[in-house]
Amino acid sequence: MPYTVTHTELPEVLILEPRVFGDDRGFFFESYNTRDFTEATGQAVEFVQDNHSRSVKGVLRGLHYQVRQPQGKLIRVTQGEVFDVAVNLMRGHPDFGRWTGTLISGQNKRQMWIPPGFAHGFVVLSESAEFQYKTSDYYAPEHERSLLWNDPDLAIKWPIDFEPLVSAKDAGAKRLRDAEAFGEWPV
């Protein structure tokens, strides 16, 4: 199998580690293959959009989700390092309101599969980071919502000792108790 799959504390969120071939010239790995992704995750997902962002150290983006047209996301970092977080927002799910996070970098080449029904965010830990992700549905700004990154009810343990740089939208995001979540699980 081209991926090593690790289940996180939230069983639907998966860490995928590709098989990397390297020598003194550099490295090669297949970053995505539909057949292998389906085999590794047990899910047939049609990705419809690729996104790419670059952020400087200390930028925190998220926690974002769409209440309609929910997006599954397959994320990876091609340069730099981030701490990536997913929060379960499916009402009625036993893990509703719980989060999981992991370090993802250009060096470790990990990917994280975050299915629909989860909020997603990350903070940049390196001088800069290039962040890429595939989505299972199109971006719909009218349905986008933000969950407050530092909501004490979530108690996310961001590995930072500084005040992150957040957008005005993310600074004004809602706490879990006030957020518009998804209907009954499964989404």
N, C-alpha and C. Protein backbone atom coordinates (compact mmCIF):
# COMPACT_ATOMS: atom_id res chain seq x y z
N MET A 1 0.86 -1.18 0.00
CA MET A 1 0.00 0.00 0.00
C MET A 1 0.90 1.24 0.00
N PRO A 2 0.56 2.23 -0.82
CA PRO A 2 1.40 3.42 -0.92
C PRO A 2 1.30 4.36 0.28
N TYR A 3 0.30 4.17 1.14
CA TYR A 3 0.14 5.01 2.33
C TYR A 3 0.22 4.16 3.58
N THR A 4 0.74 4.74 4.64
CA THR A 4 0.54 4.22 5.98
C THR A 4 -0.58 5.07 6.56
N VAL A 5 -1.64 4.43 7.06
CA VAL A 5 -2.80 5.14 7.57
C VAL A 5 -2.83 5.04 9.09
N THR A 6 -2.99 6.20 9.75
CA THR A 6 -3.10 6.25 11.20
C THR A 6 -4.41 6.92 11.56
N HIS A 7 -5.19 6.26 12.41
CA HIS A 7 -6.42 6.87 12.91
C HIS A 7 -6.07 7.82 14.05
N THR A 8 -6.72 8.97 14.05
CA THR A 8 -6.52 9.94 15.12
C THR A 8 -7.49 9.63 16.26
N GLU A 9 -7.53 10.51 17.26
CA GLU A 9 -8.48 10.35 18.36
C GLU A 9 -9.92 10.41 17.85
N LEU A 10 -10.12 11.05 16.71
CA LEU A 10 -11.42 11.10 16.05
C LEU A 10 -11.33 10.13 14.87
N PRO A 11 -11.97 8.97 14.95
CA PRO A 11 -11.73 7.89 13.98
C PRO A 11 -11.94 8.26 12.51
N GLU A 12 -12.77 9.25 12.23
CA GLU A 12 -13.00 9.64 10.84
C GLU A 12 -11.86 10.45 10.26
N VAL A 13 -11.07 11.09 11.10
CA VAL A 13 -9.94 11.91 10.66
C VAL A 13 -8.70 11.01 10.61
N LEU A 14 -8.07 10.98 9.43
CA LEU A 14 -6.96 10.06 9.20
C LEU A 14 -5.68 10.81 8.84
N ILE A 15 -4.56 10.26 9.29
CA ILE A 15 -3.24 10.73 8.87
C ILE A 15 -2.73 9.74 7.83
N LEU A 16 -2.36 10.25 6.68
CA LEU A 16 -1.83 9.42 5.61
C LEU A 16 -0.36 9.77 5.42
N GLU A 17 0.50 8.76 5.47
CA GLU A 17 1.92 9.00 5.25
C GLU A 17 2.33 8.23 4.00
N PRO A 18 2.69 8.96 2.95
CA PRO A 18 3.02 8.30 1.69
C PRO A 18 4.38 7.60 1.76
N ARG A 19 4.54 6.64 0.89
CA ARG A 19 5.83 5.98 0.74
C ARG A 19 6.71 6.90 -0.09
N VAL A 20 7.83 7.30 0.46
CA VAL A 20 8.73 8.26 -0.18
C VAL A 20 9.99 7.54 -0.62
N PHE A 21 10.39 7.77 -1.85
CA PHE A 21 11.61 7.20 -2.39
C PHE A 21 12.63 8.33 -2.49
N GLY A 22 13.76 8.15 -1.82
CA GLY A 22 14.76 9.21 -1.82
C GLY A 22 16.17 8.68 -1.91
N ASP A 23 17.03 9.52 -2.41
CA ASP A 23 18.46 9.25 -2.43
C ASP A 23 19.17 10.60 -2.41
N ASP A 24 20.48 10.61 -2.71
CA ASP A 24 21.23 11.86 -2.62
C ASP A 24 20.82 12.89 -3.66
N ARG A 25 20.00 12.51 -4.64
CA ARG A 25 19.52 13.45 -5.65
C ARG A 25 18.26 14.18 -5.20
N GLY A 26 17.55 13.61 -4.21
CA GLY A 26 16.28 14.19 -3.77
C GLY A 26 15.29 13.11 -3.42
N PHE A 27 14.01 13.34 -3.71
CA PHE A 27 12.97 12.37 -3.38
C PHE A 27 11.87 12.38 -4.42
N PHE A 28 11.05 11.33 -4.37
CA PHE A 28 9.84 11.23 -5.19
C PHE A 28 8.79 10.52 -4.37
N PHE A 29 7.55 11.00 -4.47
CA PHE A 29 6.41 10.25 -3.94
C PHE A 29 5.17 10.65 -4.69
N GLU A 30 4.22 9.74 -4.72
CA GLU A 30 2.93 10.02 -5.36
C GLU A 30 2.06 10.68 -4.30
N SER A 31 1.74 11.96 -4.51
CA SER A 31 0.99 12.69 -3.49
C SER A 31 -0.50 12.38 -3.51
N TYR A 32 -1.02 11.92 -4.65
CA TYR A 32 -2.43 11.54 -4.69
C TYR A 32 -2.68 10.56 -5.83
N ASN A 33 -3.49 9.55 -5.53
CA ASN A 33 -3.94 8.57 -6.50
C ASN A 33 -5.32 8.12 -6.03
N THR A 34 -6.33 8.31 -6.85
CA THR A 34 -7.71 8.01 -6.44
C THR A 34 -7.86 6.58 -5.94
N ARG A 35 -7.36 5.63 -6.69
CA ARG A 35 -7.50 4.21 -6.31
C ARG A 35 -6.83 3.95 -4.96
N ASP A 36 -5.63 4.47 -4.77
CA ASP A 36 -4.91 4.22 -3.53
C ASP A 36 -5.55 4.94 -2.35
N PHE A 37 -6.06 6.16 -2.57
CA PHE A 37 -6.76 6.89 -1.50
C PHE A 37 -8.00 6.12 -1.06
N THR A 38 -8.77 5.63 -2.02
CA THR A 38 -9.99 4.86 -1.70
C THR A 38 -9.64 3.60 -0.93
N GLU A 39 -8.61 2.90 -1.36
CA GLU A 39 -8.18 1.68 -0.68
C GLU A 39 -7.70 1.98 0.75
N ALA A 40 -6.94 3.06 0.89
CA ALA A 40 -6.36 3.40 2.19
C ALA A 40 -7.42 3.87 3.19
N THR A 41 -8.42 4.62 2.70
CA THR A 41 -9.40 5.22 3.60
C THR A 41 -10.73 4.48 3.65
N GLY A 42 -10.98 3.65 2.64
CA GLY A 42 -12.28 2.99 2.55
C GLY A 42 -13.38 3.92 2.06
N GLN A 43 -12.99 5.07 1.50
CA GLN A 43 -13.97 6.06 1.04
C GLN A 43 -13.69 6.45 -0.40
N ALA A 44 -14.76 6.46 -1.19
CA ALA A 44 -14.65 6.92 -2.57
C ALA A 44 -15.04 8.40 -2.59
N VAL A 45 -14.06 9.26 -2.70
CA VAL A 45 -14.28 10.70 -2.65
C VAL A 45 -13.93 11.30 -4.00
N GLU A 46 -14.81 12.16 -4.50
CA GLU A 46 -14.50 12.89 -5.72
C GLU A 46 -14.06 14.29 -5.31
N PHE A 47 -12.79 14.60 -5.55
CA PHE A 47 -12.29 15.94 -5.24
C PHE A 47 -12.59 16.86 -6.42
N VAL A 48 -13.07 18.08 -6.11
CA VAL A 48 -13.51 18.99 -7.16
C VAL A 48 -12.70 20.29 -7.20
N GLN A 49 -11.85 20.51 -6.21
CA GLN A 49 -11.15 21.79 -6.14
C GLN A 49 -9.83 21.58 -5.41
N ASP A 50 -8.76 22.24 -5.90
CA ASP A 50 -7.47 22.27 -5.21
C ASP A 50 -7.20 23.70 -4.78
N ASN A 51 -6.73 23.87 -3.54
CA ASN A 51 -6.42 25.19 -3.00
C ASN A 51 -4.97 25.21 -2.53
N HIS A 52 -4.37 26.41 -2.58
CA HIS A 52 -2.97 26.57 -2.19
C HIS A 52 -2.84 27.92 -1.50
N SER A 53 -2.28 27.92 -0.30
CA SER A 53 -2.05 29.18 0.39
C SER A 53 -0.61 29.23 0.89
N ARG A 54 -0.13 30.43 1.08
CA ARG A 54 1.18 30.66 1.70
C ARG A 54 0.93 31.60 2.86
N SER A 55 1.50 31.27 4.00
CA SER A 55 1.33 32.09 5.20
C SER A 55 2.66 32.21 5.92
N VAL A 56 2.83 33.30 6.64
CA VAL A 56 4.05 33.52 7.41
C VAL A 56 3.87 32.96 8.83
N LYS A 57 4.98 32.87 9.53
CA LYS A 57 4.97 32.33 10.89
C LYS A 57 3.96 33.07 11.76
N GLY A 58 3.21 32.30 12.51
CA GLY A 58 2.26 32.86 13.46
C GLY A 58 0.86 33.04 12.91
N VAL A 59 0.66 32.86 11.60
CA VAL A 59 -0.68 32.99 11.03
C VAL A 59 -1.50 31.77 11.45
N LEU A 60 -2.70 32.04 11.95
CA LEU A 60 -3.64 30.98 12.27
C LEU A 60 -4.87 31.19 11.39
N ARG A 61 -5.19 30.17 10.61
CA ARG A 61 -6.36 30.22 9.73
C ARG A 61 -7.38 29.21 10.23
N GLY A 62 -8.60 29.70 10.45
CA GLY A 62 -9.65 28.78 10.88
C GLY A 62 -10.20 29.16 12.23
N LEU A 63 -11.05 28.37 12.63
CA LEU A 63 -11.49 27.05 12.22
C LEU A 63 -12.69 27.19 11.28
N HIS A 64 -12.54 26.77 10.03
CA HIS A 64 -13.54 27.01 8.99
C HIS A 64 -14.33 25.75 8.66
N TYR A 65 -15.58 25.97 8.24
CA TYR A 65 -16.43 24.88 7.74
C TYR A 65 -17.57 25.50 6.96
N GLN A 66 -18.28 24.68 6.19
CA GLN A 66 -19.44 25.12 5.43
C GLN A 66 -20.66 24.33 5.91
N VAL A 67 -21.72 25.03 6.30
CA VAL A 67 -22.92 24.35 6.82
C VAL A 67 -23.73 23.70 5.71
N ARG A 68 -23.63 24.21 4.48
CA ARG A 68 -24.18 23.55 3.30
C ARG A 68 -22.99 23.33 2.37
N GLN A 69 -23.10 22.31 1.54
CA GLN A 69 -21.96 21.93 0.70
C GLN A 69 -20.73 21.66 1.58
N PRO A 70 -20.89 20.85 2.64
CA PRO A 70 -19.73 20.59 3.51
C PRO A 70 -18.59 19.96 2.72
N GLN A 71 -17.40 20.40 3.05
CA GLN A 71 -16.22 19.95 2.32
C GLN A 71 -15.41 18.94 3.13
N GLY A 72 -15.10 17.82 2.50
CA GLY A 72 -14.03 16.98 2.99
C GLY A 72 -12.75 17.58 2.46
N LYS A 73 -11.67 17.49 3.23
CA LYS A 73 -10.40 18.09 2.82
C LYS A 73 -9.26 17.09 2.99
N LEU A 74 -8.45 16.98 1.95
CA LEU A 74 -7.21 16.21 2.01
C LEU A 74 -6.10 17.24 1.98
N ILE A 75 -5.44 17.44 3.12
CA ILE A 75 -4.49 18.53 3.25
C ILE A 75 -3.04 18.02 3.30
N ARG A 76 -2.13 18.89 2.87
CA ARG A 76 -0.70 18.62 2.98
C ARG A 76 0.06 19.93 2.96
N VAL A 77 1.28 19.90 3.44
CA VAL A 77 2.16 21.08 3.44
C VAL A 77 3.34 20.74 2.55
N THR A 78 3.64 21.61 1.60
CA THR A 78 4.75 21.35 0.69
C THR A 78 6.03 22.06 1.12
N GLN A 79 5.90 23.09 1.95
CA GLN A 79 7.07 23.81 2.47
C GLN A 79 6.69 24.36 3.84
N GLY A 80 7.58 24.16 4.81
CA GLY A 80 7.33 24.68 6.15
C GLY A 80 6.62 23.66 7.03
N GLU A 81 6.07 24.17 8.16
CA GLU A 81 5.41 23.29 9.14
C GLU A 81 4.21 24.00 9.75
N VAL A 82 3.14 23.23 9.90
CA VAL A 82 1.93 23.74 10.55
C VAL A 82 1.46 22.73 11.59
N PHE A 83 0.66 23.24 12.53
CA PHE A 83 -0.11 22.36 13.41
C PHE A 83 -1.52 22.44 12.88
N ASP A 84 -2.05 21.30 12.45
CA ASP A 84 -3.34 21.23 11.78
C ASP A 84 -4.38 20.62 12.72
N VAL A 85 -5.59 21.19 12.71
CA VAL A 85 -6.64 20.81 13.67
C VAL A 85 -7.95 20.55 12.95
N ALA A 86 -8.67 19.52 13.40
CA ALA A 86 -10.03 19.23 12.95
C ALA A 86 -10.92 19.12 14.19
N VAL A 87 -12.13 19.69 14.09
CA VAL A 87 -13.10 19.66 15.20
C VAL A 87 -14.40 19.04 14.68
N ASN A 88 -14.90 18.03 15.38
CA ASN A 88 -16.15 17.37 15.00
C ASN A 88 -17.33 18.30 15.30
N LEU A 89 -18.12 18.61 14.25
CA LEU A 89 -19.28 19.49 14.41
C LEU A 89 -20.58 18.80 14.01
N MET A 90 -20.62 17.47 14.11
CA MET A 90 -21.83 16.72 13.76
C MET A 90 -22.65 16.45 15.03
N ARG A 91 -23.75 17.17 15.16
CA ARG A 91 -24.62 16.97 16.33
C ARG A 91 -25.07 15.52 16.40
N GLY A 92 -25.12 14.98 17.60
CA GLY A 92 -25.52 13.60 17.80
C GLY A 92 -24.38 12.61 17.71
N HIS A 93 -23.24 13.04 17.19
CA HIS A 93 -22.07 12.16 17.11
C HIS A 93 -21.45 12.07 18.50
N PRO A 94 -20.97 10.90 18.90
CA PRO A 94 -20.36 10.79 20.24
C PRO A 94 -19.13 11.68 20.44
N ASP A 95 -18.49 12.11 19.35
CA ASP A 95 -17.32 12.98 19.46
C ASP A 95 -17.62 14.44 19.15
N PHE A 96 -18.89 14.83 19.15
CA PHE A 96 -19.25 16.22 18.85
C PHE A 96 -18.48 17.16 19.77
N GLY A 97 -17.83 18.18 19.17
CA GLY A 97 -17.09 19.17 19.94
C GLY A 97 -15.68 18.76 20.31
N ARG A 98 -15.28 17.56 19.97
CA ARG A 98 -13.89 17.13 20.24
C ARG A 98 -13.00 17.49 19.06
N TRP A 99 -11.71 17.62 19.34
CA TRP A 99 -10.74 18.00 18.32
C TRP A 99 -9.57 17.03 18.28
N THR A 100 -8.85 17.06 17.17
CA THR A 100 -7.59 16.34 17.03
C THR A 100 -6.64 17.24 16.25
N GLY A 101 -5.37 17.09 16.49
CA GLY A 101 -4.38 17.90 15.79
C GLY A 101 -3.08 17.15 15.59
N THR A 102 -2.33 17.56 14.58
CA THR A 102 -1.04 16.94 14.30
C THR A 102 -0.13 17.91 13.57
N LEU A 103 1.16 17.67 13.66
CA LEU A 103 2.15 18.45 12.92
C LEU A 103 2.25 17.90 11.50
N ILE A 104 2.17 18.79 10.54
CA ILE A 104 2.30 18.41 9.14
C ILE A 104 3.32 19.35 8.53
N SER A 105 4.26 18.77 7.78
CA SER A 105 5.32 19.62 7.22
C SER A 105 5.75 19.13 5.85
N GLY A 106 6.49 19.98 5.17
CA GLY A 106 7.10 19.58 3.92
C GLY A 106 8.10 18.46 4.13
N GLN A 107 8.66 18.41 5.32
CA GLN A 107 9.65 17.37 5.61
C GLN A 107 9.00 16.02 5.90
N ASN A 108 7.94 15.99 6.75
CA ASN A 108 7.34 14.69 7.08
C ASN A 108 6.35 14.21 6.02
N LYS A 109 5.90 15.09 5.13
CA LYS A 109 5.06 14.77 3.98
C LYS A 109 3.72 14.12 4.36
N ARG A 110 3.34 14.24 5.61
CA ARG A 110 2.04 13.71 6.04
C ARG A 110 0.91 14.43 5.32
N GLN A 111 -0.19 13.73 5.22
CA GLN A 111 -1.43 14.32 4.74
C GLN A 111 -2.49 14.02 5.80
N MET A 112 -3.52 14.86 5.85
CA MET A 112 -4.60 14.60 6.79
C MET A 112 -5.91 14.63 6.01
N TRP A 113 -6.71 13.59 6.19
CA TRP A 113 -8.04 13.51 5.60
C TRP A 113 -9.04 13.96 6.66
N ILE A 114 -9.74 15.06 6.35
CA ILE A 114 -10.76 15.61 7.24
C ILE A 114 -12.08 15.52 6.49
N PRO A 115 -12.97 14.60 6.89
CA PRO A 115 -14.21 14.42 6.13
C PRO A 115 -15.20 15.55 6.37
N PRO A 116 -16.26 15.62 5.55
CA PRO A 116 -17.32 16.60 5.79
C PRO A 116 -17.86 16.45 7.22
N GLY A 117 -18.28 17.57 7.80
CA GLY A 117 -18.80 17.53 9.17
C GLY A 117 -17.81 18.02 10.21
N PHE A 118 -16.64 18.47 9.77
CA PHE A 118 -15.60 18.93 10.68
C PHE A 118 -15.19 20.36 10.33
N ALA A 119 -14.87 21.14 11.36
CA ALA A 119 -14.22 22.43 11.16
C ALA A 119 -12.73 22.17 11.04
N HIS A 120 -12.03 23.07 10.34
CA HIS A 120 -10.61 22.86 10.09
C HIS A 120 -9.84 24.17 10.25
N GLY A 121 -8.64 24.06 10.81
CA GLY A 121 -7.76 25.21 10.92
C GLY A 121 -6.32 24.78 11.12
N PHE A 122 -5.42 25.76 11.00
CA PHE A 122 -4.00 25.46 11.22
C PHE A 122 -3.28 26.73 11.63
N VAL A 123 -2.14 26.53 12.31
CA VAL A 123 -1.25 27.63 12.66
C VAL A 123 0.13 27.31 12.09
N VAL A 124 0.79 28.34 11.55
CA VAL A 124 2.10 28.18 10.93
C VAL A 124 3.18 28.29 12.01
N LEU A 125 4.03 27.27 12.08
CA LEU A 125 5.09 27.21 13.10
C LEU A 125 6.47 27.56 12.53
N SER A 126 6.64 27.45 11.23
CA SER A 126 7.92 27.76 10.59
C SER A 126 7.90 29.21 10.09
N GLU A 127 9.00 29.67 9.52
CA GLU A 127 9.07 31.06 9.03
C GLU A 127 7.97 31.36 8.01
N SER A 128 7.62 30.36 7.23
CA SER A 128 6.47 30.44 6.32
C SER A 128 6.05 29.00 6.02
N ALA A 129 4.88 28.87 5.40
CA ALA A 129 4.40 27.54 5.02
C ALA A 129 3.54 27.64 3.77
N GLU A 130 3.70 26.65 2.91
CA GLU A 130 2.85 26.50 1.72
C GLU A 130 1.92 25.34 2.03
N PHE A 131 0.63 25.63 2.01
CA PHE A 131 -0.42 24.71 2.44
C PHE A 131 -1.30 24.40 1.23
N GLN A 132 -1.49 23.12 0.94
CA GLN A 132 -2.32 22.72 -0.20
C GLN A 132 -3.38 21.74 0.26
N TYR A 133 -4.57 21.87 -0.32
CA TYR A 133 -5.61 20.89 0.01
C TYR A 133 -6.62 20.73 -1.11
N LYS A 134 -7.10 19.50 -1.20
CA LYS A 134 -8.16 19.14 -2.13
C LYS A 134 -9.47 19.20 -1.35
N THR A 135 -10.57 19.57 -2.03
CA THR A 135 -11.87 19.59 -1.37
C THR A 135 -12.87 18.73 -2.14
N SER A 136 -13.82 18.17 -1.38
CA SER A 136 -14.82 17.29 -1.97
C SER A 136 -16.06 18.06 -2.42
N ASP A 137 -16.13 19.35 -2.15
CA ASP A 137 -17.20 20.19 -2.67
C ASP A 137 -16.62 21.58 -2.91
N TYR A 138 -17.36 22.38 -3.65
CA TYR A 138 -16.88 23.70 -4.02
C TYR A 138 -17.00 24.68 -2.85
N TYR A 139 -16.12 25.67 -2.86
CA TYR A 139 -16.18 26.74 -1.88
C TYR A 139 -17.48 27.52 -2.08
N ALA A 140 -18.21 27.73 -0.99
CA ALA A 140 -19.48 28.45 -1.03
C ALA A 140 -19.45 29.48 0.09
N PRO A 141 -18.99 30.71 -0.19
CA PRO A 141 -18.81 31.71 0.87
C PRO A 141 -20.09 32.00 1.66
N GLU A 142 -21.24 31.88 1.03
CA GLU A 142 -22.49 32.13 1.74
C GLU A 142 -22.80 31.07 2.81
N HIS A 143 -22.14 29.93 2.72
CA HIS A 143 -22.35 28.85 3.69
C HIS A 143 -21.16 28.67 4.64
N GLU A 144 -20.12 29.48 4.45
CA GLU A 144 -18.93 29.34 5.29
C GLU A 144 -19.19 29.90 6.69
N ARG A 145 -18.69 29.21 7.67
CA ARG A 145 -18.77 29.64 9.06
C ARG A 145 -17.39 29.48 9.68
N SER A 146 -17.17 30.19 10.80
CA SER A 146 -15.90 30.08 11.53
C SER A 146 -16.19 29.78 12.99
N LEU A 147 -15.45 28.87 13.52
CA LEU A 147 -15.50 28.50 14.93
C LEU A 147 -14.29 29.15 15.60
N LEU A 148 -14.49 29.75 16.76
CA LEU A 148 -13.43 30.49 17.44
C LEU A 148 -12.26 29.58 17.80
N TRP A 149 -11.08 29.95 17.31
CA TRP A 149 -9.88 29.11 17.46
C TRP A 149 -9.49 28.90 18.92
N ASN A 150 -9.79 29.86 19.79
CA ASN A 150 -9.38 29.75 21.19
C ASN A 150 -10.57 29.60 22.14
N ASP A 151 -11.66 29.02 21.65
CA ASP A 151 -12.84 28.77 22.47
C ASP A 151 -12.43 27.90 23.67
N PRO A 152 -12.65 28.39 24.90
CA PRO A 152 -12.25 27.60 26.06
C PRO A 152 -13.02 26.28 26.18
N ASP A 153 -14.21 26.20 25.58
CA ASP A 153 -14.95 24.93 25.62
C ASP A 153 -14.29 23.87 24.74
N LEU A 154 -13.59 24.28 23.70
CA LEU A 154 -12.85 23.33 22.86
C LEU A 154 -11.51 22.98 23.50
N ALA A 155 -10.87 23.96 24.12
CA ALA A 155 -9.58 23.78 24.79
C ALA A 155 -8.53 23.15 23.87
N ILE A 156 -8.42 23.68 22.66
CA ILE A 156 -7.42 23.17 21.72
C ILE A 156 -6.03 23.55 22.25
N LYS A 157 -5.15 22.60 22.26
CA LYS A 157 -3.78 22.82 22.75
C LYS A 157 -2.88 23.19 21.57
N TRP A 158 -3.02 24.43 21.11
CA TRP A 158 -2.17 24.93 20.03
C TRP A 158 -0.74 24.98 20.56
N PRO A 159 0.25 24.46 19.84
CA PRO A 159 1.63 24.44 20.33
C PRO A 159 2.34 25.77 20.06
N ILE A 160 1.79 26.84 20.64
CA ILE A 160 2.35 28.17 20.40
C ILE A 160 2.52 28.91 21.73
N ASP A 161 3.50 29.80 21.75
CA ASP A 161 3.73 30.64 22.93
C ASP A 161 3.66 32.10 22.51
N PHE A 162 2.83 32.39 21.51
CA PHE A 162 2.67 33.75 20.98
C PHE A 162 1.20 33.94 20.62
N GLU A 163 0.84 35.20 20.45
CA GLU A 163 -0.52 35.53 20.01
C GLU A 163 -0.54 35.38 18.49
N PRO A 164 -1.35 34.48 17.94
CA PRO A 164 -1.34 34.26 16.49
C PRO A 164 -1.94 35.43 15.72
N LEU A 165 -1.58 35.50 14.46
CA LEU A 165 -2.14 36.48 13.54
C LEU A 165 -3.40 35.87 12.92
N VAL A 166 -4.55 36.46 13.18
CA VAL A 166 -5.81 35.94 12.66
C VAL A 166 -6.54 37.02 11.88
N SER A 167 -7.36 36.61 10.95
CA SER A 167 -8.16 37.57 10.18
C SER A 167 -9.26 38.13 11.07
N ALA A 168 -9.85 39.24 10.64
CA ALA A 168 -10.97 39.82 11.38
C ALA A 168 -12.12 38.83 11.46
N LYS A 169 -12.36 38.10 10.37
CA LYS A 169 -13.42 37.09 10.35
C LYS A 169 -13.18 36.03 11.42
N ASP A 170 -11.95 35.55 11.51
CA ASP A 170 -11.64 34.49 12.48
C ASP A 170 -11.62 35.02 13.91
N ALA A 171 -11.21 36.27 14.08
CA ALA A 171 -11.22 36.86 15.43
C ALA A 171 -12.65 37.00 15.94
N GLY A 172 -13.61 37.20 15.04
CA GLY A 172 -15.01 37.35 15.42
C GLY A 172 -15.82 36.08 15.29
N ALA A 173 -15.15 34.94 15.19
CA ALA A 173 -15.85 33.66 15.02
C ALA A 173 -16.66 33.31 16.28
N LYS A 174 -17.57 32.37 16.12
CA LYS A 174 -18.44 31.97 17.22
C LYS A 174 -17.83 30.85 18.06
N ARG A 175 -18.23 30.84 19.30
CA ARG A 175 -17.87 29.73 20.18
C ARG A 175 -18.73 28.52 19.81
N LEU A 176 -18.29 27.35 20.19
CA LEU A 176 -19.01 26.11 19.89
C LEU A 176 -20.46 26.19 20.36
N ARG A 177 -20.70 26.71 21.54
CA ARG A 177 -22.05 26.74 22.10
C ARG A 177 -23.00 27.63 21.30
N ASP A 178 -22.45 28.56 20.50
CA ASP A 178 -23.27 29.47 19.70
C ASP A 178 -23.18 29.18 18.19
N ALA A 179 -22.34 28.25 17.81
CA ALA A 179 -22.07 28.01 16.40
C ALA A 179 -23.19 27.22 15.73
N GLU A 180 -23.33 27.49 14.45
CA GLU A 180 -24.22 26.70 13.62
C GLU A 180 -23.47 25.43 13.25
N ALA A 181 -23.93 24.30 13.76
CA ALA A 181 -23.26 23.03 13.50
C ALA A 181 -24.04 22.26 12.43
N PHE A 182 -23.58 21.08 12.15
CA PHE A 182 -24.25 20.23 11.18
C PHE A 182 -25.41 19.51 11.86
N GLY A 183 -26.36 19.07 11.04
CA GLY A 183 -27.49 18.30 11.56
C GLY A 183 -27.01 16.99 12.13
N GLU A 184 -27.91 16.12 12.33
CA GLU A 184 -27.58 14.83 12.93
C GLU A 184 -26.56 14.06 12.11
N TRP A 185 -25.72 13.38 12.81
CA TRP A 185 -24.69 12.54 12.22
C TRP A 185 -25.35 11.33 11.59
N PRO A 186 -24.91 10.80 10.45
CA PRO A 186 -23.80 11.30 9.65
C PRO A 186 -24.22 12.44 8.74
N VAL A 187 -23.23 13.26 8.35
CA VAL A 187 -23.50 14.41 7.47
C VAL A 187 -23.72 13.88 6.07
